[in-house]
Structure formats: structure tokens, C-alpha cells
Amino acid sequence: MSSTIAGTGDKSLVLASGRAHPELAKDVARELGIDLLPTTAYDFANGEIYVRFGESVRGADIFLLQSHTAPINQWIMEQLLMVDAAKRASAKTITVVQPFYGYGRQDKKHRGREPISARLMSDLFRTAGADRLMSVDLHAAQTQGFFDGPVDHLWAMPILTDYVRTRVDTTNVTVVSPDAGRIRVAEQWAAKLGGGPLAFVHKTRDITRPNQSVANRVVGDVEGRDCVLVDDLIDTGGTIAEAVKVCLAAGAKSVIVAATHGVLSDPAAQRLSECGASEVVVTDTLPIAAEKRFPQLTVLSIAPLIGRAIREVFDDGSVTSLFDGNS
């Protein structure tokens, strides 16, 4: 296969990847029917990163894919260098593809003297030379406004709901939000799963202590019902594990957890395997190492969605058409 897709006129598409999640990059390239652009990347002894593309990208529409997984700062820096390399190699357009948007949870100030790190991320990529951003299920939709240029906000919901629909009785489903702030997402899930009732978990969080919250009670009808607990990401798993326990204590028949991003920092695997959830469903926007996997975990491929979105952008099509006009 070639590493280039030729478009109308003098357009050409190339896809390059950093080292964070090569399996996903290969799957996206397969969806597009091309090879990845040959790229050399390595670390110097002091931790500095070297990047070079092995073929010309002059005049090309280049898509630079990197998943912001741990060690997150290294992979963000590598992607920034890839953008700079593409700009200096005279690429026509540069699209940064971030299946998981690093620092996306820091989208506002909770207290004085804090950074808005999600905004800084957008500024860094714009300054480096990015023309466009593409990401999946941003933690906060308003993050799209931080970047001075087009932002393609992809939804994993169609992939997740299509799978979950095969795992539950859709006439007996309650969709549960892990907190009141994500009720809108839960409403969309409920519509996809047949229009069942909604519930949410009332929780309290100490903003001075990261990755810690307390699930107090579930508000809504869950007794005797199959519950689908939905969120955008699972990090240490504490919030989700407690939410599962609260639902089961309230009489839920079963609980399936569905989330887009499986960060799964320790001790998430242990918490999720022991919390009582019948299944935990995530996508592969982030690599999930063998030691992070557990029997109840199901990982769905996000590559078809990213591949279709890249093709729509390249063909001057409509990304929102992939999500019934929503994005």
C-alpha cells in the first residue's frame, strides 16, 4: 500500500503517528487503506525527543495521531514536535488527532491562582502550527472554543450504544449518570437505548484532593432494573466503582459501565473488577496494557470512527453527518 491518498486536484492525504499508541494508528491506517508515513522518533539520553518524517509531506494534508497516555507529557511534546516538523516540511494543512485530549479535565478555574490547562494545550498546538484539532469525547464540550480554528469533536456513543444494546434488555434499562453534571449525556444514551428512565449518583468531591469523591446515593428509578452507568473517562476508578455499589445497594438488577477513555491508572483494575459491575466497556482511544485488563473489561475499536472522520475532513465532507448532525 501507499502512504498517501490522492484526492481531487493536487490534494493528498498522509497519516503519521507518534509512539504512544502504534496499534491504534495502524488500525486507522487500515481503515483508510494506506500505510503510515515512515517516521523516525527516539529519545536522547537527557529525555529530549527527536522526530523526522521519512518521506516528503510538501503540499500534503497531514494528520498527526497521538494518544495522550502515560507518560502524558512526553507524548504531548512528541506530537508538538511532529507538528513543527510538518510545518517546516511545507505540509499544506496539519490536523492534530488526539483521541484523548490531555489536560482536558482542567477546563476552568475551581479556585484562584490555578491554570486553565486545557486552554494552554490548544494554544501550544496552534502556536506549533496546527490548523485543525480532532478529538473524541472531550471532557467538556466548551474546550472546542479554546482552539482558534476548526475542531472536530467526535462521539464514541454510537460505537458504545450499539454494543451495549446487545448486552441488556432495552425494555428494562435505566441509564445512570455518575454525577448530576453529565445528565445531558445520559439523556442521549437513554434515547439510543429505547427511551428508558434516567438516574444520577449524588456525590461530593473535595477539589483539593485529586481522583477522590464520595458517592452518597442514587436519585432515580433503579430497583430491579438493568443499569448502564455512563461516563467519558475512567481514571483511578474510584468514582465509578462507588457509583456501581450505590446502584446495586439501591436494588439494581445489574450494572454495566460504559466509558470512552480507559485511562485506568492504578488501582482502577482492582477496583472495577471487585465493584460488582457485570461488564466494563471502553474504547481503545488509549492503549490498555495487559496488567490493566481484568475479566469484566471489554475494549471496542475507535479506529473506524477516526478513519471515517479523517476521510470526511480530507474530502471536504461533513463530520457532523457521522453523528446525526450533532458534534
C-alpha atoms as a PDB file:
ATOM      1  CA  MET A   1       0.000   0.000   0.000  1.00  0.00           C
ATOM      2  CA  SER A   2       0.957   3.615  -0.429  1.00  0.00           C
ATOM      3  CA  SER A   3       1.353   6.052   2.476  1.00  0.00           C
ATOM      4  CA  THR A   4      -0.651   8.653   0.521  1.00  0.00           C
ATOM      5  CA  ILE A   5      -4.267   9.036  -0.574  1.00  0.00           C
ATOM      6  CA  ALA A   6      -4.651  11.186  -3.675  1.00  0.00           C
ATOM      7  CA  GLY A   7      -7.664  13.478  -3.747  1.00  0.00           C
ATOM      8  CA  THR A   8      -9.156  15.769  -6.337  1.00  0.00           C
ATOM      9  CA  GLY A   9      -6.817  18.285  -7.921  1.00  0.00           C
ATOM     10  CA  ASP A  10      -3.466  18.340  -6.165  1.00  0.00           C
ATOM     11  CA  LYS A  11      -4.752  17.140  -2.782  1.00  0.00           C
ATOM     12  CA  SER A  12      -3.049  14.290  -0.959  1.00  0.00           C
ATOM     13  CA  LEU A  13      -3.599  12.745   2.494  1.00  0.00           C
ATOM     14  CA  VAL A  14      -0.915  11.284   4.728  1.00  0.00           C
ATOM     15  CA  LEU A  15      -1.243   9.832   8.237  1.00  0.00           C
ATOM     16  CA  ALA A  16       1.635   9.867  10.714  1.00  0.00           C
ATOM     17  CA  SER A  17       1.753   8.586  14.265  1.00  0.00           C
ATOM     18  CA  GLY A  18       3.771   9.113  17.394  1.00  0.00           C
ATOM     19  CA  ARG A  19       4.927   6.258  19.583  1.00  0.00           C
ATOM     20  CA  ALA A  20       2.221   6.402  22.259  1.00  0.00           C
ATOM     21  CA  HIS A  21      -0.355   4.044  20.684  1.00  0.00           C
ATOM     22  CA  PRO A  22       1.002   2.443  17.487  1.00  0.00           C
ATOM     23  CA  GLU A  23      -1.715  -0.226  17.421  1.00  0.00           C
ATOM     24  CA  LEU A  24      -4.471   2.360  17.054  1.00  0.00           C
ATOM     25  CA  ALA A  25      -2.515   4.225  14.373  1.00  0.00           C
ATOM     26  CA  LYS A  26      -2.125   1.018  12.356  1.00  0.00           C
ATOM     27  CA  ASP A  27      -5.842   0.283  12.681  1.00  0.00           C
ATOM     28  CA  VAL A  28      -6.764   3.808  11.495  1.00  0.00           C
ATOM     29  CA  ALA A  29      -4.368   3.495   8.551  1.00  0.00           C
ATOM     30  CA  ARG A  30      -6.010   0.166   7.675  1.00  0.00           C
ATOM     31  CA  GLU A  31      -9.424   1.840   7.746  1.00  0.00           C
ATOM     32  CA  LEU A  32      -8.100   4.459   5.315  1.00  0.00           C
ATOM     33  CA  GLY A  33      -6.433   1.845   3.114  1.00  0.00           C
ATOM     34  CA  ILE A  34      -2.949   3.361   3.391  1.00  0.00           C
ATOM     35  CA  ASP A  35       0.346   2.810   5.177  1.00  0.00           C
ATOM     36  CA  LEU A  36       1.514   5.080   7.960  1.00  0.00           C
ATOM     37  CA  LEU A  37       4.033   7.720   6.929  1.00  0.00           C
ATOM     38  CA  PRO A  38       7.507   6.361   7.777  1.00  0.00           C
ATOM     39  CA  THR A  39       8.660   8.288  10.846  1.00  0.00           C
ATOM     40  CA  THR A  40      11.801   8.190  12.938  1.00  0.00           C
ATOM     41  CA  ALA A  41      11.396   9.073  16.614  1.00  0.00           C
ATOM     42  CA  TYR A  42      13.661   8.444  19.574  1.00  0.00           C
ATOM     43  CA  ASP A  43      14.794   9.899  22.887  1.00  0.00           C
ATOM     44  CA  PHE A  44      18.178  11.404  23.636  1.00  0.00           C
ATOM     45  CA  ALA A  45      19.919  10.467  26.882  1.00  0.00           C
ATOM     46  CA  ASN A  46      18.577  13.563  28.657  1.00  0.00           C
ATOM     47  CA  GLY A  47      14.981  12.863  27.601  1.00  0.00           C
ATOM     48  CA  GLU A  48      14.792  15.237  24.623  1.00  0.00           C
ATOM     49  CA  ILE A  49      12.845  13.851  21.662  1.00  0.00           C
ATOM     50  CA  TYR A  50      13.891  13.629  18.014  1.00  0.00           C
ATOM     51  CA  VAL A  51      11.301  13.315  15.215  1.00  0.00           C
ATOM     52  CA  ARG A  52      11.742  13.136  11.426  1.00  0.00           C
ATOM     53  CA  PHE A  53       9.393  12.081   8.630  1.00  0.00           C
ATOM     54  CA  GLY A  54      10.897   9.598   6.195  1.00  0.00           C
ATOM     55  CA  GLU A  55       9.091  10.913   3.104  1.00  0.00           C
ATOM     56  CA  SER A  56       8.170  14.302   1.700  1.00  0.00           C
ATOM     57  CA  VAL A  57       4.967  15.868   3.019  1.00  0.00           C
ATOM     58  CA  ARG A  58       5.224  19.036   0.923  1.00  0.00           C
ATOM     59  CA  GLY A  59       1.744  20.152  -0.122  1.00  0.00           C
ATOM     60  CA  ALA A  60       0.047  17.278   1.716  1.00  0.00           C
ATOM     61  CA  ASP A  61      -2.873  17.306   4.141  1.00  0.00           C
ATOM     62  CA  ILE A  62      -1.172  15.576   7.052  1.00  0.00           C
ATOM     63  CA  PHE A  63      -2.976  14.026  10.019  1.00  0.00           C
ATOM     64  CA  LEU A  64      -0.781  13.546  13.099  1.00  0.00           C
ATOM     65  CA  LEU A  65      -2.193  10.958  15.509  1.00  0.00           C
ATOM     66  CA  GLN A  66      -1.064  10.653  19.104  1.00  0.00           C
ATOM     67  CA  SER A  67      -2.884   9.311  22.150  1.00  0.00           C
ATOM     68  CA  HIS A  68      -2.080  11.264  25.295  1.00  0.00           C
ATOM     69  CA  THR A  69      -1.403   8.319  27.575  1.00  0.00           C
ATOM     70  CA  ALA A  70       1.154   7.962  30.362  1.00  0.00           C
ATOM     71  CA  PRO A  71       3.805   9.375  30.437  1.00  0.00           C
ATOM     72  CA  ILE A  72       1.451  12.041  29.120  1.00  0.00           C
ATOM     73  CA  ASN A  73       3.861  14.980  28.989  1.00  0.00           C
ATOM     74  CA  GLN A  74       6.318  13.043  26.826  1.00  0.00           C
ATOM     75  CA  TRP A  75       3.707  12.145  24.237  1.00  0.00           C
ATOM     76  CA  ILE A  76       2.261  15.650  24.105  1.00  0.00           C
ATOM     77  CA  MET A  77       5.743  17.039  23.490  1.00  0.00           C
ATOM     78  CA  GLU A  78       6.386  14.453  20.787  1.00  0.00           C
ATOM     79  CA  GLN A  79       3.178  15.447  19.000  1.00  0.00           C
ATOM     80  CA  LEU A  80       4.095  19.127  19.214  1.00  0.00           C
ATOM     81  CA  LEU A  81       7.441  18.336  17.588  1.00  0.00           C
ATOM     82  CA  MET A  82       5.651  16.376  14.853  1.00  0.00           C
ATOM     83  CA  VAL A  83       3.512  19.447  14.142  1.00  0.00           C
ATOM     84  CA  ASP A  84       6.602  21.639  13.954  1.00  0.00           C
ATOM     85  CA  ALA A  85       8.339  19.164  11.655  1.00  0.00           C
ATOM     86  CA  ALA A  86       5.311  19.057   9.333  1.00  0.00           C
ATOM     87  CA  LYS A  87       5.084  22.852   9.230  1.00  0.00           C
ATOM     88  CA  ARG A  88       8.779  23.209   8.385  1.00  0.00           C
ATOM     89  CA  ALA A  89       8.419  20.487   5.728  1.00  0.00           C
ATOM     90  CA  SER A  90       5.774  22.617   3.950  1.00  0.00           C
ATOM     91  CA  ALA A  91       2.715  20.495   4.633  1.00  0.00           C
ATOM     92  CA  LYS A  92      -0.383  22.157   3.184  1.00  0.00           C
ATOM     93  CA  THR A  93      -2.592  21.545   6.238  1.00  0.00           C
ATOM     94  CA  ILE A  94      -1.828  19.980   9.631  1.00  0.00           C
ATOM     95  CA  THR A  95      -4.555  18.228  11.619  1.00  0.00           C
ATOM     96  CA  VAL A  96      -3.721  17.116  15.142  1.00  0.00           C
ATOM     97  CA  VAL A  97      -5.641  13.941  16.007  1.00  0.00           C
ATOM     98  CA  GLN A  98      -5.864  13.475  19.787  1.00  0.00           C
ATOM     99  CA  PRO A  99      -8.224  10.586  20.558  1.00  0.00           C
ATOM    100  CA  PHE A 100      -7.803  11.548  24.216  1.00  0.00           C
ATOM    101  CA  TYR A 101      -7.245  15.269  24.842  1.00  0.00           C
ATOM    102  CA  GLY A 102      -4.576  15.598  27.515  1.00  0.00           C
ATOM    103  CA  TYR A 103      -5.300  18.003  30.384  1.00  0.00           C
ATOM    104  CA  GLY A 104      -8.922  18.178  29.220  1.00  0.00           C
ATOM    105  CA  ARG A 105     -10.249  17.944  32.791  1.00  0.00           C
ATOM    106  CA  GLN A 106      -8.665  21.292  33.689  1.00  0.00           C
ATOM    107  CA  ASP A 107     -11.072  23.351  31.558  1.00  0.00           C
ATOM    108  CA  LYS A 108     -11.875  26.059  34.138  1.00  0.00           C
ATOM    109  CA  LYS A 109     -10.633  27.552  37.393  1.00  0.00           C
ATOM    110  CA  HIS A 110     -12.101  25.982  40.501  1.00  0.00           C
ATOM    111  CA  ARG A 111     -10.052  28.218  42.797  1.00  0.00           C
ATOM    112  CA  GLY A 112      -7.833  31.261  42.450  1.00  0.00           C
ATOM    113  CA  ARG A 113      -4.289  31.010  41.047  1.00  0.00           C
ATOM    114  CA  GLU A 114      -4.991  27.855  39.044  1.00  0.00           C
ATOM    115  CA  PRO A 115      -4.183  27.360  35.332  1.00  0.00           C
ATOM    116  CA  ILE A 116      -6.740  26.545  32.665  1.00  0.00           C
ATOM    117  CA  SER A 117      -4.585  23.784  31.267  1.00  0.00           C
ATOM    118  CA  ALA A 118      -6.992  22.677  28.538  1.00  0.00           C
ATOM    119  CA  ARG A 119      -6.765  26.157  27.011  1.00  0.00           C
ATOM    120  CA  LEU A 120      -2.966  26.096  27.204  1.00  0.00           C
ATOM    121  CA  MET A 121      -2.940  22.803  25.295  1.00  0.00           C
ATOM    122  CA  SER A 122      -4.879  24.361  22.421  1.00  0.00           C
ATOM    123  CA  ASP A 123      -2.595  27.390  22.411  1.00  0.00           C
ATOM    124  CA  LEU A 124       0.502  25.188  22.263  1.00  0.00           C
ATOM    125  CA  PHE A 125      -0.717  23.226  19.249  1.00  0.00           C
ATOM    126  CA  ARG A 126      -1.882  26.372  17.454  1.00  0.00           C
ATOM    127  CA  THR A 127       1.476  28.046  18.043  1.00  0.00           C
ATOM    128  CA  ALA A 128       3.315  24.936  16.847  1.00  0.00           C
ATOM    129  CA  GLY A 129       1.451  25.172  13.528  1.00  0.00           C
ATOM    130  CA  ALA A 130      -1.700  23.038  13.790  1.00  0.00           C
ATOM    131  CA  ASP A 131      -4.563  24.123  11.526  1.00  0.00           C
ATOM    132  CA  ARG A 132      -7.185  21.788  12.978  1.00  0.00           C
ATOM    133  CA  LEU A 133      -7.829  19.587  16.020  1.00  0.00           C
ATOM    134  CA  MET A 134      -9.699  16.288  16.157  1.00  0.00           C
ATOM    135  CA  SER A 135     -10.580  14.561  19.427  1.00  0.00           C
ATOM    136  CA  VAL A 136     -13.034  12.026  20.846  1.00  0.00           C
ATOM    137  CA  ASP A 137     -15.465  12.840  23.667  1.00  0.00           C
ATOM    138  CA  LEU A 138     -13.916  15.925  25.199  1.00  0.00           C
ATOM    139  CA  HIS A 139     -14.372  16.121  28.962  1.00  0.00           C
ATOM    140  CA  ALA A 140     -16.081  19.484  28.472  1.00  0.00           C
ATOM    141  CA  ALA A 141     -17.603  20.450  25.117  1.00  0.00           C
ATOM    142  CA  GLN A 142     -16.595  24.110  25.560  1.00  0.00           C
ATOM    143  CA  THR A 143     -12.961  23.043  25.099  1.00  0.00           C
ATOM    144  CA  GLN A 144     -13.706  23.313  21.370  1.00  0.00           C
ATOM    145  CA  GLY A 145     -13.719  27.088  21.827  1.00  0.00           C
ATOM    146  CA  PHE A 146     -10.168  27.176  23.151  1.00  0.00           C
ATOM    147  CA  PHE A 147      -8.625  26.464  19.735  1.00  0.00           C
ATOM    148  CA  ASP A 148      -8.531  29.227  17.130  1.00  0.00           C
ATOM    149  CA  GLY A 149      -9.525  27.045  14.220  1.00  0.00           C
ATOM    150  CA  PRO A 150     -11.744  24.078  13.308  1.00  0.00           C
ATOM    151  CA  VAL A 151     -12.241  21.405  15.989  1.00  0.00           C
ATOM    152  CA  ASP A 152     -13.809  18.053  15.138  1.00  0.00           C
ATOM    153  CA  HIS A 153     -15.435  16.693  18.300  1.00  0.00           C
ATOM    154  CA  LEU A 154     -16.082  13.006  17.652  1.00  0.00           C
ATOM    155  CA  TRP A 155     -18.547  10.957  19.701  1.00  0.00           C
ATOM    156  CA  ALA A 156     -17.908   7.355  20.690  1.00  0.00           C
ATOM    157  CA  MET A 157     -21.556   6.996  21.728  1.00  0.00           C
ATOM    158  CA  PRO A 158     -22.691   5.197  18.533  1.00  0.00           C
ATOM    159  CA  ILE A 159     -19.992   2.546  18.979  1.00  0.00           C
ATOM    160  CA  LEU A 160     -20.716   2.091  22.675  1.00  0.00           C
ATOM    161  CA  THR A 161     -24.509   2.091  22.412  1.00  0.00           C
ATOM    162  CA  ASP A 162     -24.520  -0.388  19.526  1.00  0.00           C
ATOM    163  CA  TYR A 163     -22.566  -2.808  21.709  1.00  0.00           C
ATOM    164  CA  VAL A 164     -24.410  -2.197  24.985  1.00  0.00           C
ATOM    165  CA  ARG A 165     -27.762  -2.685  23.233  1.00  0.00           C
ATOM    166  CA  THR A 166     -26.752  -6.317  22.661  1.00  0.00           C
ATOM    167  CA  ARG A 167     -25.928  -6.808  26.355  1.00  0.00           C
ATOM    168  CA  VAL A 168     -29.088  -5.567  28.079  1.00  0.00           C
ATOM    169  CA  ASP A 169     -32.859  -5.877  27.934  1.00  0.00           C
ATOM    170  CA  THR A 170     -33.716  -2.483  26.427  1.00  0.00           C
ATOM    171  CA  THR A 171     -37.227  -2.640  27.933  1.00  0.00           C
ATOM    172  CA  ASN A 172     -35.729  -2.696  31.439  1.00  0.00           C
ATOM    173  CA  VAL A 173     -32.845  -0.226  31.216  1.00  0.00           C
ATOM    174  CA  THR A 174     -32.092   2.768  33.393  1.00  0.00           C
ATOM    175  CA  VAL A 175     -29.221   4.961  32.249  1.00  0.00           C
ATOM    176  CA  VAL A 176     -27.261   6.316  35.205  1.00  0.00           C
ATOM    177  CA  SER A 177     -25.019   9.365  35.210  1.00  0.00           C
ATOM    178  CA  PRO A 178     -22.162   9.266  37.756  1.00  0.00           C
ATOM    179  CA  ASP A 179     -22.989  12.867  38.698  1.00  0.00           C
ATOM    180  CA  ALA A 180     -25.617  15.499  38.004  1.00  0.00           C
ATOM    181  CA  GLY A 181     -23.331  17.346  35.579  1.00  0.00           C
ATOM    182  CA  ARG A 182     -23.497  14.631  32.925  1.00  0.00           C
ATOM    183  CA  ILE A 183     -27.274  14.226  32.798  1.00  0.00           C
ATOM    184  CA  ARG A 184     -27.378  15.591  29.238  1.00  0.00           C
ATOM    185  CA  VAL A 185     -25.126  12.759  28.057  1.00  0.00           C
ATOM    186  CA  ALA A 186     -27.248  10.249  29.953  1.00  0.00           C
ATOM    187  CA  GLU A 187     -30.353  11.599  28.179  1.00  0.00           C
ATOM    188  CA  GLN A 188     -28.720  10.951  24.805  1.00  0.00           C
ATOM    189  CA  TRP A 189     -27.778   7.451  25.905  1.00  0.00           C
ATOM    190  CA  ALA A 190     -31.320   6.752  27.086  1.00  0.00           C
ATOM    191  CA  ALA A 191     -32.721   7.843  23.721  1.00  0.00           C
ATOM    192  CA  LYS A 192     -30.353   5.452  21.954  1.00  0.00           C
ATOM    193  CA  LEU A 193     -31.321   2.578  24.267  1.00  0.00           C
ATOM    194  CA  GLY A 194     -35.059   2.893  23.874  1.00  0.00           C
ATOM    195  CA  GLY A 195     -36.070   5.884  25.968  1.00  0.00           C
ATOM    196  CA  GLY A 196     -35.900   4.369  29.453  1.00  0.00           C
ATOM    197  CA  PRO A 197     -35.698   6.362  32.693  1.00  0.00           C
ATOM    198  CA  LEU A 198     -32.670   8.273  33.954  1.00  0.00           C
ATOM    199  CA  ALA A 199     -30.923   8.352  37.285  1.00  0.00           C
ATOM    200  CA  PHE A 200     -27.836  10.036  38.680  1.00  0.00           C
ATOM    201  CA  VAL A 201     -25.495   9.436  41.570  1.00  0.00           C
ATOM    202  CA  HIS A 202     -25.297  12.248  44.085  1.00  0.00           C
ATOM    203  CA  LYS A 203     -21.662  12.644  45.065  1.00  0.00           C
ATOM    204  CA  THR A 204     -19.412  15.087  46.844  1.00  0.00           C
ATOM    205  CA  ARG A 205     -15.863  15.930  45.820  1.00  0.00           C
ATOM    206  CA  ASP A 206     -13.013  17.716  47.607  1.00  0.00           C
ATOM    207  CA  ILE A 207     -11.409  19.780  44.824  1.00  0.00           C
ATOM    208  CA  THR A 208      -8.155  19.935  46.799  1.00  0.00           C
ATOM    209  CA  ARG A 209      -7.764  16.134  46.572  1.00  0.00           C
ATOM    210  CA  PRO A 210      -7.471  14.729  43.021  1.00  0.00           C
ATOM    211  CA  ASN A 211      -9.183  11.495  41.976  1.00  0.00           C
ATOM    212  CA  GLN A 212     -11.307  11.337  45.120  1.00  0.00           C
ATOM    213  CA  SER A 213     -15.062  11.686  45.540  1.00  0.00           C
ATOM    214  CA  VAL A 214     -17.775  10.145  47.677  1.00  0.00           C
ATOM    215  CA  ALA A 215     -20.906   8.599  46.137  1.00  0.00           C
ATOM    216  CA  ASN A 216     -23.760   9.194  48.565  1.00  0.00           C
ATOM    217  CA  ARG A 217     -26.962   7.885  46.948  1.00  0.00           C
ATOM    218  CA  VAL A 218     -28.652   7.296  43.623  1.00  0.00           C
ATOM    219  CA  VAL A 219     -31.502   9.585  42.566  1.00  0.00           C
ATOM    220  CA  GLY A 220     -33.929   7.865  40.196  1.00  0.00           C
ATOM    221  CA  ASP A 221     -35.577   4.508  39.493  1.00  0.00           C
ATOM    222  CA  VAL A 222     -33.008   1.690  39.523  1.00  0.00           C
ATOM    223  CA  GLU A 223     -34.670  -1.014  41.618  1.00  0.00           C
ATOM    224  CA  GLY A 224     -34.969  -4.258  39.663  1.00  0.00           C
ATOM    225  CA  ARG A 225     -33.587  -2.639  36.541  1.00  0.00           C
ATOM    226  CA  ASP A 226     -30.535  -3.199  34.342  1.00  0.00           C
ATOM    227  CA  CYS A 227     -28.432  -0.069  34.840  1.00  0.00           C
ATOM    228  CA  VAL A 228     -25.977   1.382  32.336  1.00  0.00           C
ATOM    229  CA  LEU A 229     -23.557   3.724  34.092  1.00  0.00           C
ATOM    230  CA  VAL A 230     -22.014   6.115  31.547  1.00  0.00           C
ATOM    231  CA  ASP A 231     -19.043   8.487  31.734  1.00  0.00           C
ATOM    232  CA  ASP A 232     -16.426   9.993  29.437  1.00  0.00           C
ATOM    233  CA  LEU A 233     -13.374   8.501  31.161  1.00  0.00           C
ATOM    234  CA  ILE A 234     -12.287   6.182  33.943  1.00  0.00           C
ATOM    235  CA  ASP A 235      -9.041   7.145  35.657  1.00  0.00           C
ATOM    236  CA  THR A 236      -8.428   5.524  39.052  1.00  0.00           C
ATOM    237  CA  GLY A 237     -11.918   4.026  39.020  1.00  0.00           C
ATOM    238  CA  GLY A 238     -12.931   5.268  42.471  1.00  0.00           C
ATOM    239  CA  THR A 239     -15.944   7.312  41.368  1.00  0.00           C
ATOM    240  CA  ILE A 240     -17.302   4.625  39.040  1.00  0.00           C
ATOM    241  CA  ALA A 241     -16.720   1.753  41.469  1.00  0.00           C
ATOM    242  CA  GLU A 242     -18.570   3.596  44.242  1.00  0.00           C
ATOM    243  CA  ALA A 243     -21.389   4.504  41.851  1.00  0.00           C
ATOM    244  CA  VAL A 244     -21.796   0.833  40.900  1.00  0.00           C
ATOM    245  CA  LYS A 245     -22.014  -0.142  44.567  1.00  0.00           C
ATOM    246  CA  VAL A 246     -24.587   2.569  45.278  1.00  0.00           C
ATOM    247  CA  CYS A 247     -26.758   1.379  42.368  1.00  0.00           C
ATOM    248  CA  LEU A 248     -26.593  -2.243  43.497  1.00  0.00           C
ATOM    249  CA  ALA A 249     -27.368  -1.225  47.075  1.00  0.00           C
ATOM    250  CA  ALA A 250     -30.449   0.598  45.758  1.00  0.00           C
ATOM    251  CA  GLY A 251     -31.725  -2.645  44.232  1.00  0.00           C
ATOM    252  CA  ALA A 252     -30.365  -2.564  40.670  1.00  0.00           C
ATOM    253  CA  LYS A 253     -30.607  -5.937  38.941  1.00  0.00           C
ATOM    254  CA  SER A 254     -27.251  -5.424  37.178  1.00  0.00           C
ATOM    255  CA  VAL A 255     -24.832  -2.644  36.272  1.00  0.00           C
ATOM    256  CA  ILE A 256     -22.830  -2.251  33.066  1.00  0.00           C
ATOM    257  CA  VAL A 257     -20.244   0.544  32.966  1.00  0.00           C
ATOM    258  CA  ALA A 258     -19.594   2.277  29.633  1.00  0.00           C
ATOM    259  CA  ALA A 259     -16.924   4.939  29.102  1.00  0.00           C
ATOM    260  CA  THR A 260     -14.977   6.264  26.149  1.00  0.00           C
ATOM    261  CA  HIS A 261     -11.493   6.614  27.615  1.00  0.00           C
ATOM    262  CA  GLY A 262      -9.938   3.858  29.701  1.00  0.00           C
ATOM    263  CA  VAL A 263      -7.151   5.737  31.488  1.00  0.00           C
ATOM    264  CA  LEU A 264      -7.206   3.037  34.187  1.00  0.00           C
ATOM    265  CA  SER A 265      -4.497   4.390  36.483  1.00  0.00           C
ATOM    266  CA  ASP A 266      -3.729   2.164  39.470  1.00  0.00           C
ATOM    267  CA  PRO A 267      -5.709   0.816  41.280  1.00  0.00           C
ATOM    268  CA  ALA A 268      -8.531   1.049  38.724  1.00  0.00           C
ATOM    269  CA  ALA A 269      -8.323  -2.565  37.524  1.00  0.00           C
ATOM    270  CA  GLN A 270      -8.709  -3.944  41.039  1.00  0.00           C
ATOM    271  CA  ARG A 271     -11.499  -1.527  41.955  1.00  0.00           C
ATOM    272  CA  LEU A 272     -13.505  -2.212  38.814  1.00  0.00           C
ATOM    273  CA  SER A 273     -13.072  -5.984  38.960  1.00  0.00           C
ATOM    274  CA  GLU A 274     -14.343  -6.051  42.563  1.00  0.00           C
ATOM    275  CA  CYS A 275     -17.110  -3.402  42.475  1.00  0.00           C
ATOM    276  CA  GLY A 276     -19.889  -5.688  41.219  1.00  0.00           C
ATOM    277  CA  ALA A 277     -20.231  -4.423  37.644  1.00  0.00           C
ATOM    278  CA  SER A 278     -21.156  -7.207  35.242  1.00  0.00           C
ATOM    279  CA  GLU A 279     -19.104  -5.576  32.458  1.00  0.00           C
ATOM    280  CA  VAL A 280     -16.914  -2.510  31.930  1.00  0.00           C
ATOM    281  CA  VAL A 281     -16.892  -1.302  28.324  1.00  0.00           C
ATOM    282  CA  VAL A 282     -14.352   1.216  26.983  1.00  0.00           C
ATOM    283  CA  THR A 283     -12.826   2.097  23.619  1.00  0.00           C
ATOM    284  CA  ASP A 284      -9.166   1.948  22.650  1.00  0.00           C
ATOM    285  CA  THR A 285      -8.598   5.714  22.430  1.00  0.00           C
ATOM    286  CA  LEU A 286      -5.812   4.932  24.918  1.00  0.00           C
ATOM    287  CA  PRO A 287      -3.618   1.823  25.000  1.00  0.00           C
ATOM    288  CA  ILE A 288      -4.591  -0.611  27.740  1.00  0.00           C
ATOM    289  CA  ALA A 289      -1.664  -2.721  28.907  1.00  0.00           C
ATOM    290  CA  ALA A 290      -2.104  -6.345  29.943  1.00  0.00           C
ATOM    291  CA  GLU A 291      -1.684  -5.522  33.630  1.00  0.00           C
ATOM    292  CA  LYS A 292      -4.612  -3.073  33.424  1.00  0.00           C
ATOM    293  CA  ARG A 293      -7.011  -5.638  31.999  1.00  0.00           C
ATOM    294  CA  PHE A 294      -9.452  -7.739  34.041  1.00  0.00           C
ATOM    295  CA  PRO A 295     -12.114 -10.345  33.227  1.00  0.00           C
ATOM    296  CA  GLN A 296     -15.072  -7.924  33.063  1.00  0.00           C
ATOM    297  CA  LEU A 297     -13.298  -5.492  30.686  1.00  0.00           C
ATOM    298  CA  THR A 298     -14.376  -5.155  27.044  1.00  0.00           C
ATOM    299  CA  VAL A 299     -12.397  -2.888  24.692  1.00  0.00           C
ATOM    300  CA  LEU A 300     -14.033  -1.658  21.478  1.00  0.00           C
ATOM    301  CA  SER A 301     -12.134  -0.248  18.489  1.00  0.00           C
ATOM    302  CA  ILE A 302     -12.379   3.502  17.867  1.00  0.00           C
ATOM    303  CA  ALA A 303     -10.388   3.241  14.609  1.00  0.00           C
ATOM    304  CA  PRO A 304     -13.432   3.047  12.260  1.00  0.00           C
ATOM    305  CA  LEU A 305     -14.796   6.302  13.682  1.00  0.00           C
ATOM    306  CA  ILE A 306     -11.478   8.154  13.446  1.00  0.00           C
ATOM    307  CA  GLY A 307     -10.862   6.805   9.959  1.00  0.00           C
ATOM    308  CA  ARG A 308     -14.259   7.980   8.722  1.00  0.00           C
ATOM    309  CA  ALA A 309     -13.786  11.407  10.293  1.00  0.00           C
ATOM    310  CA  ILE A 310     -10.357  11.851   8.717  1.00  0.00           C
ATOM    311  CA  ARG A 311     -11.775  10.912   5.333  1.00  0.00           C
ATOM    312  CA  GLU A 312     -14.662  13.390   5.708  1.00  0.00           C
ATOM    313  CA  VAL A 313     -12.225  16.202   6.552  1.00  0.00           C
ATOM    314  CA  PHE A 314      -9.964  15.359   3.633  1.00  0.00           C
ATOM    315  CA  ASP A 315     -12.886  15.121   1.191  1.00  0.00           C
ATOM    316  CA  ASP A 316     -14.388  18.416   2.444  1.00  0.00           C
ATOM    317  CA  GLY A 317     -17.356  16.420   3.697  1.00  0.00           C
ATOM    318  CA  SER A 318     -19.366  16.685   6.898  1.00  0.00           C
ATOM    319  CA  VAL A 319     -18.041  15.266  10.158  1.00  0.00           C
ATOM    320  CA  THR A 320     -21.330  16.056  11.904  1.00  0.00           C
ATOM    321  CA  SER A 321     -23.110  13.765   9.435  1.00  0.00           C
ATOM    322  CA  LEU A 322     -21.484  10.889  11.317  1.00  0.00           C
ATOM    323  CA  PHE A 323     -23.474  11.816  14.428  1.00  0.00           C
ATOM    324  CA  ASP A 324     -26.936  12.700  13.081  1.00  0.00           C
ATOM    325  CA  GLY A 325     -25.991  16.357  12.773  1.00  0.00           C
ATOM    326  CA  ASN A 326     -24.526  16.617  16.272  1.00  0.00           C
ATOM    327  CA  SER A 327     -20.882  17.188  17.081  1.00  0.00           C
END
